[in-house]
């Protein structure tokens, strides 16, 4: 590659050709800085574990996780698959748990006499 570890995106690849694969370093596999959607989704998913924050952060984690996975499929060698999957799982769990808590609280309202 011409620009160090970054592919040359100044010209689009010819029809039928794929962009050159990214060669991630060891640190890139641990913290996928080249895939910001996966990284953001992971952190938003972790922060969605805070009670009541999961209503807002859960869907954001799912969206960022899906976008991160989409980037992994489009660019060969791009790290972030694990972070994206974690974001989707955490976002889903916290969203469902918060909605279930709201349903339980609302259904256990004032007793009728």
PDB file of N, CA and C in Angstrom:
ATOM      1  N   UNK A   1       0.833  -1.165   0.000  1.00  0.00           N
ATOM      2  CA  UNK A   1       0.000   0.000   0.000  1.00  0.00           C
ATOM      3  C   UNK A   1       0.883   1.235   0.000  1.00  0.00           C
ATOM      4  N   UNK A   2       0.384   2.279  -0.584  1.00  0.00           N
ATOM      5  CA  UNK A   2       1.196   3.457  -0.768  1.00  0.00           C
ATOM      6  C   UNK A   2       1.276   4.339   0.470  1.00  0.00           C
ATOM      7  N   UNK A   3       0.197   4.479   1.219  1.00  0.00           N
ATOM      8  CA  UNK A   3       0.141   5.413   2.336  1.00  0.00           C
ATOM      9  C   UNK A   3       0.310   4.702   3.676  1.00  0.00           C
ATOM     10  N   UNK A   4       1.298   3.903   3.828  1.00  0.00           N
ATOM     11  CA  UNK A   4       1.492   3.180   5.075  1.00  0.00           C
ATOM     12  C   UNK A   4       0.501   2.053   5.209  1.00  0.00           C
ATOM     13  N   UNK A   5      -0.331   2.108   6.253  1.00  0.00           N
ATOM     14  CA  UNK A   5      -1.290   1.032   6.452  1.00  0.00           C
ATOM     15  C   UNK A   5      -2.688   1.391   5.956  1.00  0.00           C
ATOM     16  N   UNK A   6      -2.842   2.515   5.298  1.00  0.00           N
ATOM     17  CA  UNK A   6      -4.146   2.921   4.777  1.00  0.00           C
ATOM     18  C   UNK A   6      -4.231   2.647   3.285  1.00  0.00           C
ATOM     19  N   UNK A   7      -5.369   2.133   2.828  1.00  0.00           N
ATOM     20  CA  UNK A   7      -5.518   1.916   1.384  1.00  0.00           C
ATOM     21  C   UNK A   7      -5.684   3.249   0.657  1.00  0.00           C
ATOM     22  N   UNK A   8      -5.376   3.258  -0.627  1.00  0.00           N
ATOM     23  CA  UNK A   8      -5.496   4.454  -1.449  1.00  0.00           C
ATOM     24  C   UNK A   8      -6.935   4.563  -1.941  1.00  0.00           C
ATOM     25  N   UNK A   9      -7.700   5.495  -1.352  1.00  0.00           N
ATOM     26  CA  UNK A   9      -9.097   5.688  -1.720  1.00  0.00           C
ATOM     27  C   UNK A   9      -9.267   6.901  -2.625  1.00  0.00           C
ATOM     28  N   UNK A  10      -8.166   7.446  -3.176  1.00  0.00           N
ATOM     29  CA  UNK A  10      -8.281   8.623  -4.031  1.00  0.00           C
ATOM     30  C   UNK A  10      -9.017   8.299  -5.328  1.00  0.00           C
ATOM     31  N   UNK A  11      -8.908   7.055  -5.773  1.00  0.00           N
ATOM     32  CA  UNK A  11      -9.636   6.611  -6.963  1.00  0.00           C
ATOM     33  C   UNK A  11     -10.453   5.392  -6.596  1.00  0.00           C
ATOM     34  N   UNK A  12     -11.689   5.315  -7.063  1.00  0.00           N
ATOM     35  CA  UNK A  12     -12.475   4.107  -6.767  1.00  0.00           C
ATOM     36  C   UNK A  12     -11.901   2.903  -7.502  1.00  0.00           C
ATOM     37  N   UNK A  13     -12.058   1.713  -6.931  1.00  0.00           N
ATOM     38  CA  UNK A  13     -11.554   0.519  -7.616  1.00  0.00           C
ATOM     39  C   UNK A  13     -12.328   0.272  -8.901  1.00  0.00           C
ATOM     40  N   UNK A  14     -11.671  -0.373  -9.850  1.00  0.00           N
ATOM     41  CA  UNK A  14     -12.319  -0.708 -11.119  1.00  0.00           C
ATOM     42  C   UNK A  14     -13.449  -1.686 -10.855  1.00  0.00           C
ATOM     43  N   UNK A  15     -14.379  -1.762 -11.791  1.00  0.00           N
ATOM     44  CA  UNK A  15     -15.535  -2.633 -11.635  1.00  0.00           C
ATOM     45  C   UNK A  15     -15.067  -4.079 -11.449  1.00  0.00           C
ATOM     46  N   UNK A  16     -15.575  -4.712 -10.426  1.00  0.00           N
ATOM     47  CA  UNK A  16     -15.229  -6.104 -10.160  1.00  0.00           C
ATOM     48  C   UNK A  16     -14.027  -6.255  -9.246  1.00  0.00           C
ATOM     49  N   UNK A  17     -13.291  -5.185  -9.004  1.00  0.00           N
ATOM     50  CA  UNK A  17     -12.137  -5.254  -8.107  1.00  0.00           C
ATOM     51  C   UNK A  17     -12.563  -4.846  -6.710  1.00  0.00           C
ATOM     52  N   UNK A  18     -11.920  -5.437  -5.746  1.00  0.00           N
ATOM     53  CA  UNK A  18     -12.174  -5.086  -4.356  1.00  0.00           C
ATOM     54  C   UNK A  18     -11.060  -4.175  -3.882  1.00  0.00           C
ATOM     55  N   UNK A  19     -11.361  -3.291  -2.920  1.00  0.00           N
ATOM     56  CA  UNK A  19     -10.280  -2.469  -2.378  1.00  0.00           C
ATOM     57  C   UNK A  19      -9.255  -3.351  -1.680  1.00  0.00           C
ATOM     58  N   UNK A  20      -8.027  -2.891  -1.585  1.00  0.00           N
ATOM     59  CA  UNK A  20      -7.000  -3.715  -0.934  1.00  0.00           C
ATOM     60  C   UNK A  20      -7.355  -3.943   0.532  1.00  0.00           C
ATOM     61  N   UNK A  21      -7.039  -5.128   1.064  1.00  0.00           N
ATOM     62  CA  UNK A  21      -7.383  -5.409   2.449  1.00  0.00           C
ATOM     63  C   UNK A  21      -6.563  -4.557   3.406  1.00  0.00           C
ATOM     64  N   UNK A  22      -7.160  -4.250   4.540  1.00  0.00           N
ATOM     65  CA  UNK A  22      -6.471  -3.502   5.587  1.00  0.00           C
ATOM     66  C   UNK A  22      -5.686  -4.497   6.426  1.00  0.00           C
ATOM     67  N   UNK A  23      -4.478  -4.157   6.765  1.00  0.00           N
ATOM     68  CA  UNK A  23      -3.641  -5.004   7.613  1.00  0.00           C
ATOM     69  C   UNK A  23      -3.670  -4.440   9.031  1.00  0.00           C
ATOM     70  N   UNK A  24      -4.570  -4.946   9.889  1.00  0.00           N
ATOM     71  CA  UNK A  24      -4.665  -4.400  11.237  1.00  0.00           C
ATOM     72  C   UNK A  24      -3.499  -4.851  12.107  1.00  0.00           C
ATOM     73  N   UNK A  25      -3.072  -3.962  12.994  1.00  0.00           N
ATOM     74  CA  UNK A  25      -2.035  -4.325  13.951  1.00  0.00           C
ATOM     75  C   UNK A  25      -2.707  -5.012  15.141  1.00  0.00           C
ATOM     76  N   UNK A  26      -1.909  -5.432  16.100  1.00  0.00           N
ATOM     77  CA  UNK A  26      -2.460  -6.086  17.280  1.00  0.00           C
ATOM     78  C   UNK A  26      -3.350  -5.159  18.083  1.00  0.00           C
ATOM     79  N   UNK A  27      -2.948  -3.892  18.175  1.00  0.00           N
ATOM     80  CA  UNK A  27      -3.747  -2.925  18.913  1.00  0.00           C
ATOM     81  C   UNK A  27      -5.052  -2.624  18.189  1.00  0.00           C
ATOM     82  N   UNK A  28      -5.027  -2.636  16.848  1.00  0.00           N
ATOM     83  CA  UNK A  28      -6.254  -2.404  16.079  1.00  0.00           C
ATOM     84  C   UNK A  28      -7.280  -3.505  16.311  1.00  0.00           C
ATOM     85  N   UNK A  29      -6.834  -4.711  16.573  1.00  0.00           N
ATOM     86  CA  UNK A  29      -7.772  -5.793  16.842  1.00  0.00           C
ATOM     87  C   UNK A  29      -8.397  -5.633  18.227  1.00  0.00           C
ATOM     88  N   UNK A  30      -7.638  -5.050  19.160  1.00  0.00           N
ATOM     89  CA  UNK A  30      -8.133  -4.832  20.509  1.00  0.00           C
ATOM     90  C   UNK A  30      -9.043  -3.603  20.577  1.00  0.00           C
ATOM     91  N   UNK A  31      -8.627  -2.520  19.921  1.00  0.00           N
ATOM     92  CA  UNK A  31      -9.399  -1.279  19.864  1.00  0.00           C
ATOM     93  C   UNK A  31      -9.528  -0.905  18.390  1.00  0.00           C
ATOM     94  N   UNK A  32     -10.662  -1.216  17.760  1.00  0.00           N
ATOM     95  CA  UNK A  32     -10.791  -1.010  16.317  1.00  0.00           C
ATOM     96  C   UNK A  32     -10.991   0.461  15.946  1.00  0.00           C
ATOM     97  N   UNK A  33      -9.908   1.236  15.985  1.00  0.00           N
ATOM     98  CA  UNK A  33     -10.008   2.670  15.699  1.00  0.00           C
ATOM     99  C   UNK A  33     -10.336   2.944  14.239  1.00  0.00           C
ATOM    100  N   UNK A  34     -10.069   2.002  13.356  1.00  0.00           N
ATOM    101  CA  UNK A  34     -10.378   2.197  11.937  1.00  0.00           C
ATOM    102  C   UNK A  34     -11.851   1.926  11.623  1.00  0.00           C
ATOM    103  N   UNK A  35     -12.592   1.437  12.596  1.00  0.00           N
ATOM    104  CA  UNK A  35     -14.020   1.192  12.449  1.00  0.00           C
ATOM    105  C   UNK A  35     -14.742   1.955  13.562  1.00  0.00           C
ATOM    106  N   UNK A  36     -14.963   3.255  13.362  1.00  0.00           N
ATOM    107  CA  UNK A  36     -15.528   4.063  14.451  1.00  0.00           C
ATOM    108  C   UNK A  36     -16.947   3.653  14.848  1.00  0.00           C
ATOM    109  N   UNK A  37     -17.729   3.103  13.922  1.00  0.00           N
ATOM    110  CA  UNK A  37     -19.077   2.673  14.287  1.00  0.00           C
ATOM    111  C   UNK A  37     -19.035   1.513  15.276  1.00  0.00           C
ATOM    112  N   UNK A  38     -18.136   0.568  15.063  1.00  0.00           N
ATOM    113  CA  UNK A  38     -18.017  -0.572  15.975  1.00  0.00           C
ATOM    114  C   UNK A  38     -17.566  -0.112  17.347  1.00  0.00           C
ATOM    115  N   UNK A  39     -16.598   0.782  17.381  1.00  0.00           N
ATOM    116  CA  UNK A  39     -16.068   1.274  18.653  1.00  0.00           C
ATOM    117  C   UNK A  39     -17.110   2.102  19.398  1.00  0.00           C
ATOM    118  N   UNK A  40     -17.792   2.996  18.686  1.00  0.00           N
ATOM    119  CA  UNK A  40     -18.831   3.812  19.326  1.00  0.00           C
ATOM    120  C   UNK A  40     -19.982   2.942  19.807  1.00  0.00           C
ATOM    121  N   UNK A  41     -20.380   1.969  19.006  1.00  0.00           N
ATOM    122  CA  UNK A  41     -21.459   1.075  19.409  1.00  0.00           C
ATOM    123  C   UNK A  41     -21.115   0.291  20.660  1.00  0.00           C
ATOM    124  N   UNK A  42     -19.868  -0.140  20.757  1.00  0.00           N
ATOM    125  CA  UNK A  42     -19.423  -0.891  21.931  1.00  0.00           C
ATOM    126  C   UNK A  42     -19.535  -0.032  23.193  1.00  0.00           C
ATOM    127  N   UNK A  43     -19.008   1.192  23.118  1.00  0.00           N
ATOM    128  CA  UNK A  43     -19.046   2.060  24.296  1.00  0.00           C
ATOM    129  C   UNK A  43     -20.472   2.481  24.641  1.00  0.00           C
ATOM    130  N   UNK A  44     -21.279   2.780  23.641  1.00  0.00           N
ATOM    131  CA  UNK A  44     -22.673   3.141  23.902  1.00  0.00           C
ATOM    132  C   UNK A  44     -23.408   1.940  24.501  1.00  0.00           C
ATOM    133  N   UNK A  45     -23.094   0.732  24.021  1.00  0.00           N
ATOM    134  CA  UNK A  45     -23.704  -0.470  24.580  1.00  0.00           C
ATOM    135  C   UNK A  45     -23.334  -0.682  26.037  1.00  0.00           C
ATOM    136  N   UNK A  46     -22.083  -0.412  26.387  1.00  0.00           N
ATOM    137  CA  UNK A  46     -21.662  -0.556  27.787  1.00  0.00           C
ATOM    138  C   UNK A  46     -22.363   0.487  28.656  1.00  0.00           C
ATOM    139  N   UNK A  47     -22.442   1.722  28.176  1.00  0.00           N
ATOM    140  CA  UNK A  47     -23.101   2.761  28.962  1.00  0.00           C
ATOM    141  C   UNK A  47     -24.616   2.586  29.006  1.00  0.00           C
ATOM    142  N   UNK A  48     -25.164   1.791  28.107  1.00  0.00           N
ATOM    143  CA  UNK A  48     -26.604   1.543  28.147  1.00  0.00           C
ATOM    144  C   UNK A  48     -26.980   0.640  29.319  1.00  0.00           C
ATOM    145  N   UNK A  49     -25.995   0.052  29.977  1.00  0.00           N
ATOM    146  CA  UNK A  49     -26.261  -0.772  31.155  1.00  0.00           C
ATOM    147  C   UNK A  49     -26.685   0.071  32.356  1.00  0.00           C
ATOM    148  N   UNK A  50     -26.482   1.385  32.281  1.00  0.00           N
ATOM    149  CA  UNK A  50     -26.925   2.286  33.348  1.00  0.00           C
ATOM    150  C   UNK A  50     -28.456   2.292  33.331  1.00  0.00           C
ATOM    151  N   UNK A  51     -29.083   2.074  34.492  1.00  0.00           N
ATOM    152  CA  UNK A  51     -30.546   2.031  34.519  1.00  0.00           C
ATOM    153  C   UNK A  51     -31.178   3.283  33.904  1.00  0.00           C
ATOM    154  N   UNK A  52     -32.211   3.102  33.166  1.00  0.00           N
ATOM    155  CA  UNK A  52     -32.991   4.129  32.443  1.00  0.00           C
ATOM    156  C   UNK A  52     -32.263   4.687  31.230  1.00  0.00           C
ATOM    157  N   UNK A  53     -30.951   4.615  31.157  1.00  0.00           N
ATOM    158  CA  UNK A  53     -30.221   5.111  29.989  1.00  0.00           C
ATOM    159  C   UNK A  53     -30.375   4.148  28.815  1.00  0.00           C
ATOM    160  N   UNK A  54     -30.729   2.914  29.099  1.00  0.00           N
ATOM    161  CA  UNK A  54     -30.876   1.910  28.054  1.00  0.00           C
ATOM    162  C   UNK A  54     -32.002   2.191  27.084  1.00  0.00           C
ATOM    163  N   UNK A  55     -32.969   3.005  27.498  1.00  0.00           N
ATOM    164  CA  UNK A  55     -34.057   3.354  26.588  1.00  0.00           C
ATOM    165  C   UNK A  55     -33.558   4.175  25.414  1.00  0.00           C
ATOM    166  N   UNK A  56     -32.566   5.024  25.651  1.00  0.00           N
ATOM    167  CA  UNK A  56     -32.010   5.863  24.592  1.00  0.00           C
ATOM    168  C   UNK A  56     -30.757   5.231  23.998  1.00  0.00           C
ATOM    169  N   UNK A  57     -29.876   4.747  24.876  1.00  0.00           N
ATOM    170  CA  UNK A  57     -28.587   4.237  24.410  1.00  0.00           C
ATOM    171  C   UNK A  57     -28.680   2.842  23.802  1.00  0.00           C
ATOM    172  N   UNK A  58     -29.676   2.055  24.201  1.00  0.00           N
ATOM    173  CA  UNK A  58     -29.842   0.712  23.641  1.00  0.00           C
ATOM    174  C   UNK A  58     -30.046   0.727  22.132  1.00  0.00           C
ATOM    175  N   UNK A  59     -31.038   1.501  21.638  1.00  0.00           N
ATOM    176  CA  UNK A  59     -31.219   1.566  20.184  1.00  0.00           C
ATOM    177  C   UNK A  59     -30.008   2.149  19.453  1.00  0.00           C
ATOM    178  N   UNK A  60     -29.338   3.127  20.074  1.00  0.00           N
ATOM    179  CA  UNK A  60     -28.130   3.688  19.442  1.00  0.00           C
ATOM    180  C   UNK A  60     -27.036   2.631  19.319  1.00  0.00           C
ATOM    181  N   UNK A  61     -26.879   1.813  20.362  1.00  0.00           N
ATOM    182  CA  UNK A  61     -25.875   0.746  20.315  1.00  0.00           C
ATOM    183  C   UNK A  61     -26.193  -0.252  19.211  1.00  0.00           C
ATOM    184  N   UNK A  62     -27.477  -0.574  19.051  1.00  0.00           N
ATOM    185  CA  UNK A  62     -27.868  -1.512  17.995  1.00  0.00           C
ATOM    186  C   UNK A  62     -27.565  -0.922  16.626  1.00  0.00           C
ATOM    187  N   UNK A  63     -27.909   0.347  16.429  1.00  0.00           N
ATOM    188  CA  UNK A  63     -27.667   1.005  15.135  1.00  0.00           C
ATOM    189  C   UNK A  63     -26.176   1.066  14.825  1.00  0.00           C
ATOM    190  N   UNK A  64     -25.377   1.511  15.800  1.00  0.00           N
ATOM    191  CA  UNK A  64     -23.927   1.589  15.567  1.00  0.00           C
ATOM    192  C   UNK A  64     -23.320   0.210  15.339  1.00  0.00           C
ATOM    193  N   UNK A  65     -23.816  -0.800  16.056  1.00  0.00           N
ATOM    194  CA  UNK A  65     -23.316  -2.157  15.871  1.00  0.00           C
ATOM    195  C   UNK A  65     -23.596  -2.688  14.470  1.00  0.00           C
ATOM    196  N   UNK A  66     -24.797  -2.427  13.970  1.00  0.00           N
ATOM    197  CA  UNK A  66     -25.149  -2.876  12.616  1.00  0.00           C
ATOM    198  C   UNK A  66     -24.299  -2.137  11.578  1.00  0.00           C
ATOM    199  N   UNK A  67     -24.120  -0.831  11.768  1.00  0.00           N
ATOM    200  CA  UNK A  67     -23.281  -0.064  10.833  1.00  0.00           C
ATOM    201  C   UNK A  67     -21.825  -0.540  10.875  1.00  0.00           C
ATOM    202  N   UNK A  68     -21.344  -0.888  12.075  1.00  0.00           N
ATOM    203  CA  UNK A  68     -19.989  -1.419  12.196  1.00  0.00           C
ATOM    204  C   UNK A  68     -19.827  -2.752  11.488  1.00  0.00           C
ATOM    205  N   UNK A  69     -20.816  -3.634  11.626  1.00  0.00           N
ATOM    206  CA  UNK A  69     -20.767  -4.922  10.920  1.00  0.00           C
ATOM    207  C   UNK A  69     -20.828  -4.721   9.408  1.00  0.00           C
ATOM    208  N   UNK A  70     -21.616  -3.758   8.980  1.00  0.00           N
ATOM    209  CA  UNK A  70     -21.717  -3.471   7.549  1.00  0.00           C
ATOM    210  C   UNK A  70     -20.360  -3.023   6.993  1.00  0.00           C
ATOM    211  N   UNK A  71     -19.632  -2.205   7.762  1.00  0.00           N
ATOM    212  CA  UNK A  71     -18.309  -1.777   7.318  1.00  0.00           C
ATOM    213  C   UNK A  71     -17.329  -2.938   7.276  1.00  0.00           C
ATOM    214  N   UNK A  72     -17.431  -3.845   8.245  1.00  0.00           N
ATOM    215  CA  UNK A  72     -16.542  -5.013   8.268  1.00  0.00           C
ATOM    216  C   UNK A  72     -16.756  -5.859   7.017  1.00  0.00           C
ATOM    217  N   UNK A  73     -18.019  -5.987   6.588  1.00  0.00           N
ATOM    218  CA  UNK A  73     -18.309  -6.786   5.392  1.00  0.00           C
ATOM    219  C   UNK A  73     -17.846  -6.084   4.121  1.00  0.00           C
ATOM    220  N   UNK A  74     -17.885  -4.751   4.105  1.00  0.00           N
ATOM    221  CA  UNK A  74     -17.514  -4.012   2.896  1.00  0.00           C
ATOM    222  C   UNK A  74     -16.002  -3.920   2.705  1.00  0.00           C
ATOM    223  N   UNK A  75     -15.256  -3.775   3.782  1.00  0.00           N
ATOM    224  CA  UNK A  75     -13.810  -3.580   3.691  1.00  0.00           C
ATOM    225  C   UNK A  75     -13.121  -4.802   4.288  1.00  0.00           C
ATOM    226  N   UNK A  76     -12.440  -5.555   3.443  1.00  0.00           N
ATOM    227  CA  UNK A  76     -11.762  -6.769   3.914  1.00  0.00           C
ATOM    228  C   UNK A  76     -10.668  -6.420   4.914  1.00  0.00           C
ATOM    229  N   UNK A  77     -10.600  -7.178   5.984  1.00  0.00           N
ATOM    230  CA  UNK A  77      -9.554  -7.009   6.972  1.00  0.00           C
ATOM    231  C   UNK A  77      -9.827  -5.939   8.006  1.00  0.00           C
ATOM    232  N   UNK A  78     -10.955  -5.259   7.918  1.00  0.00           N
ATOM    233  CA  UNK A  78     -11.281  -4.211   8.880  1.00  0.00           C
ATOM    234  C   UNK A  78     -11.675  -4.854  10.202  1.00  0.00           C
ATOM    235  N   UNK A  79     -11.047  -4.458  11.300  1.00  0.00           N
ATOM    236  CA  UNK A  79     -11.400  -5.057  12.589  1.00  0.00           C
ATOM    237  C   UNK A  79     -12.694  -4.457  13.130  1.00  0.00           C
ATOM    238  N   UNK A  80     -13.263  -5.104  14.130  1.00  0.00           N
ATOM    239  CA  UNK A  80     -14.431  -4.567  14.802  1.00  0.00           C
ATOM    240  C   UNK A  80     -15.636  -5.483  14.826  1.00  0.00           C
ATOM    241  N   UNK A  81     -15.482  -6.706  14.370  1.00  0.00           N
ATOM    242  CA  UNK A  81     -16.617  -7.623  14.367  1.00  0.00           C
ATOM    243  C   UNK A  81     -17.098  -7.902  15.789  1.00  0.00           C
ATOM    244  N   UNK A  82     -16.191  -8.196  16.671  1.00  0.00           N
ATOM    245  CA  UNK A  82     -16.556  -8.501  18.057  1.00  0.00           C
ATOM    246  C   UNK A  82     -17.185  -7.323  18.765  1.00  0.00           C
ATOM    247  N   UNK A  83     -16.632  -6.133  18.536  1.00  0.00           N
ATOM    248  CA  UNK A  83     -17.198  -4.937  19.151  1.00  0.00           C
ATOM    249  C   UNK A  83     -18.611  -4.670  18.620  1.00  0.00           C
ATOM    250  N   UNK A  84     -18.816  -4.886  17.330  1.00  0.00           N
ATOM    251  CA  UNK A  84     -20.135  -4.658  16.737  1.00  0.00           C
ATOM    252  C   UNK A  84     -21.166  -5.634  17.288  1.00  0.00           C
ATOM    253  N   UNK A  85     -20.797  -6.897  17.387  1.00  0.00           N
ATOM    254  CA  UNK A  85     -21.716  -7.900  17.915  1.00  0.00           C
ATOM    255  C   UNK A  85     -22.029  -7.620  19.386  1.00  0.00           C
ATOM    256  N   UNK A  86     -21.015  -7.223  20.154  1.00  0.00           N
ATOM    257  CA  UNK A  86     -21.226  -6.872  21.553  1.00  0.00           C
ATOM    258  C   UNK A  86     -22.181  -5.699  21.676  1.00  0.00           C
ATOM    259  N   UNK A  87     -22.035  -4.702  20.806  1.00  0.00           N
ATOM    260  CA  UNK A  87     -22.921  -3.536  20.827  1.00  0.00           C
ATOM    261  C   UNK A  87     -24.359  -3.950  20.553  1.00  0.00           C
ATOM    262  N   UNK A  88     -24.565  -4.817  19.570  1.00  0.00           N
ATOM    263  CA  UNK A  88     -25.915  -5.259  19.233  1.00  0.00           C
ATOM    264  C   UNK A  88     -26.537  -6.049  20.387  1.00  0.00           C
ATOM    265  N   UNK A  89     -25.757  -6.945  20.993  1.00  0.00           N
ATOM    266  CA  UNK A  89     -26.271  -7.775  22.083  1.00  0.00           C
ATOM    267  C   UNK A  89     -26.588  -6.922  23.309  1.00  0.00           C
ATOM    268  N   UNK A  90     -25.639  -6.058  23.721  1.00  0.00           N
ATOM    269  CA  UNK A  90     -25.878  -5.222  24.894  1.00  0.00           C
ATOM    270  C   UNK A  90     -27.036  -4.262  24.667  1.00  0.00           C
ATOM    271  N   UNK A  91     -27.092  -3.662  23.488  1.00  0.00           N
ATOM    272  CA  UNK A  91     -28.183  -2.743  23.188  1.00  0.00           C
ATOM    273  C   UNK A  91     -29.532  -3.437  23.228  1.00  0.00           C
ATOM    274  N   UNK A  92     -29.600  -4.639  22.682  1.00  0.00           N
ATOM    275  CA  UNK A  92     -30.866  -5.386  22.678  1.00  0.00           C
ATOM    276  C   UNK A  92     -31.293  -5.769  24.089  1.00  0.00           C
ATOM    277  N   UNK A  93     -30.341  -6.266  24.875  1.00  0.00           N
ATOM    278  CA  UNK A  93     -30.659  -6.704  26.231  1.00  0.00           C
ATOM    279  C   UNK A  93     -31.127  -5.528  27.080  1.00  0.00           C
ATOM    280  N   UNK A  94     -30.411  -4.417  27.026  1.00  0.00           N
ATOM    281  CA  UNK A  94     -30.789  -3.283  27.868  1.00  0.00           C
ATOM    282  C   UNK A  94     -32.097  -2.648  27.413  1.00  0.00           C
ATOM    283  N   UNK A  95     -32.337  -2.614  26.117  1.00  0.00           N
ATOM    284  CA  UNK A  95     -33.596  -2.056  25.630  1.00  0.00           C
ATOM    285  C   UNK A  95     -34.775  -2.903  26.093  1.00  0.00           C
ATOM    286  N   UNK A  96     -34.674  -4.215  25.937  1.00  0.00           N
ATOM    287  CA  UNK A  96     -35.757  -5.111  26.362  1.00  0.00           C
ATOM    288  C   UNK A  96     -35.937  -5.060  27.883  1.00  0.00           C
ATOM    289  N   UNK A  97     -34.842  -5.027  28.633  1.00  0.00           N
ATOM    290  CA  UNK A  97     -34.933  -4.990  30.091  1.00  0.00           C
ATOM    291  C   UNK A  97     -35.585  -3.691  30.572  1.00  0.00           C
ATOM    292  N   UNK A  98     -35.242  -2.573  29.962  1.00  0.00           N
ATOM    293  CA  UNK A  98     -35.842  -1.303  30.369  1.00  0.00           C
ATOM    294  C   UNK A  98     -37.327  -1.238  30.011  1.00  0.00           C
ATOM    295  N   UNK A  99     -37.682  -1.741  28.843  1.00  0.00           N
ATOM    296  CA  UNK A  99     -39.095  -1.763  28.468  1.00  0.00           C
ATOM    297  C   UNK A  99     -39.877  -2.692  29.391  1.00  0.00           C
ATOM    298  N   UNK A 100     -39.296  -3.849  29.730  1.00  0.00           N
ATOM    299  CA  UNK A 100     -39.957  -4.769  30.649  1.00  0.00           C
ATOM    300  C   UNK A 100     -40.129  -4.136  32.031  1.00  0.00           C
ATOM    301  N   UNK A 101     -39.126  -3.399  32.491  1.00  0.00           N
ATOM    302  CA  UNK A 101     -39.234  -2.733  33.792  1.00  0.00           C
ATOM    303  C   UNK A 101     -40.347  -1.690  33.777  1.00  0.00           C
ATOM    304  N   UNK A 102     -40.480  -0.957  32.688  1.00  0.00           N
ATOM    305  CA  UNK A 102     -41.546   0.041  32.584  1.00  0.00           C
ATOM    306  C   UNK A 102     -42.915  -0.628  32.588  1.00  0.00           C
ATOM    307  N   UNK A 103     -43.048  -1.742  31.856  1.00  0.00           N
ATOM    308  CA  UNK A 103     -44.323  -2.463  31.820  1.00  0.00           C
ATOM    309  C   UNK A 103     -44.683  -2.983  33.210  1.00  0.00           C
ATOM    310  N   UNK A 104     -43.700  -3.524  33.924  1.00  0.00           N
ATOM    311  CA  UNK A 104     -43.963  -4.046  35.273  1.00  0.00           C
ATOM    312  C   UNK A 104     -44.365  -2.915  36.206  1.00  0.00           C
ATOM    313  N   UNK A 105     -43.679  -1.797  36.123  1.00  0.00           N
ATOM    314  CA  UNK A 105     -43.995  -0.661  37.012  1.00  0.00           C
ATOM    315  C   UNK A 105     -45.387  -0.121  36.704  1.00  0.00           C
ATOM    316  N   UNK A 106     -45.707   0.018  35.421  1.00  0.00           N
ATOM    317  CA  UNK A 106     -47.022   0.551  35.058  1.00  0.00           C
ATOM    318  C   UNK A 106     -48.155  -0.424  35.370  1.00  0.00           C
ATOM    319  N   UNK A 107     -47.908  -1.716  35.245  1.00  0.00           N
ATOM    320  CA  UNK A 107     -48.966  -2.696  35.521  1.00  0.00           C
ATOM    321  C   UNK A 107     -49.181  -2.927  37.008  1.00  0.00           C
ATOM    322  N   UNK A 108     -48.207  -2.570  37.811  1.00  0.00           N
ATOM    323  CA  UNK A 108     -48.365  -2.764  39.253  1.00  0.00           C
ATOM    324  C   UNK A 108     -48.811  -1.471  39.934  1.00  0.00           C
ATOM    325  N   UNK A 109     -49.471  -0.618  39.200  1.00  0.00           N
ATOM    326  CA  UNK A 109     -49.931   0.681  39.700  1.00  0.00           C
ATOM    327  C   UNK A 109     -50.761   0.561  40.968  1.00  0.00           C
ATOM    328  N   UNK A 110     -51.598   1.526  41.197  1.00  0.00           N
ATOM    329  CA  UNK A 110     -52.424   1.568  42.417  1.00  0.00           C
ATOM    330  C   UNK A 110     -53.402   0.404  42.436  1.00  0.00           C
ATOM    331  N   UNK A 111     -53.545  -0.232  43.593  1.00  0.00           N
ATOM    332  CA  UNK A 111     -54.480  -1.359  43.678  1.00  0.00           C
ATOM    333  C   UNK A 111     -55.922  -0.874  43.571  1.00  0.00           C
ATOM    334  N   UNK A 112     -56.748  -1.643  42.914  1.00  0.00           N
ATOM    335  CA  UNK A 112     -58.165  -1.283  42.771  1.00  0.00           C
ATOM    336  C   UNK A 112     -58.967  -1.939  43.880  1.00  0.00           C
ATOM    337  N   UNK A 113     -59.840  -1.176  44.489  1.00  0.00           N
ATOM    338  CA  UNK A 113     -60.626  -1.727  45.589  1.00  0.00           C
ATOM    339  C   UNK A 113     -62.077  -1.753  45.269  1.00  0.00           C
TER     340      UNK A 113
END
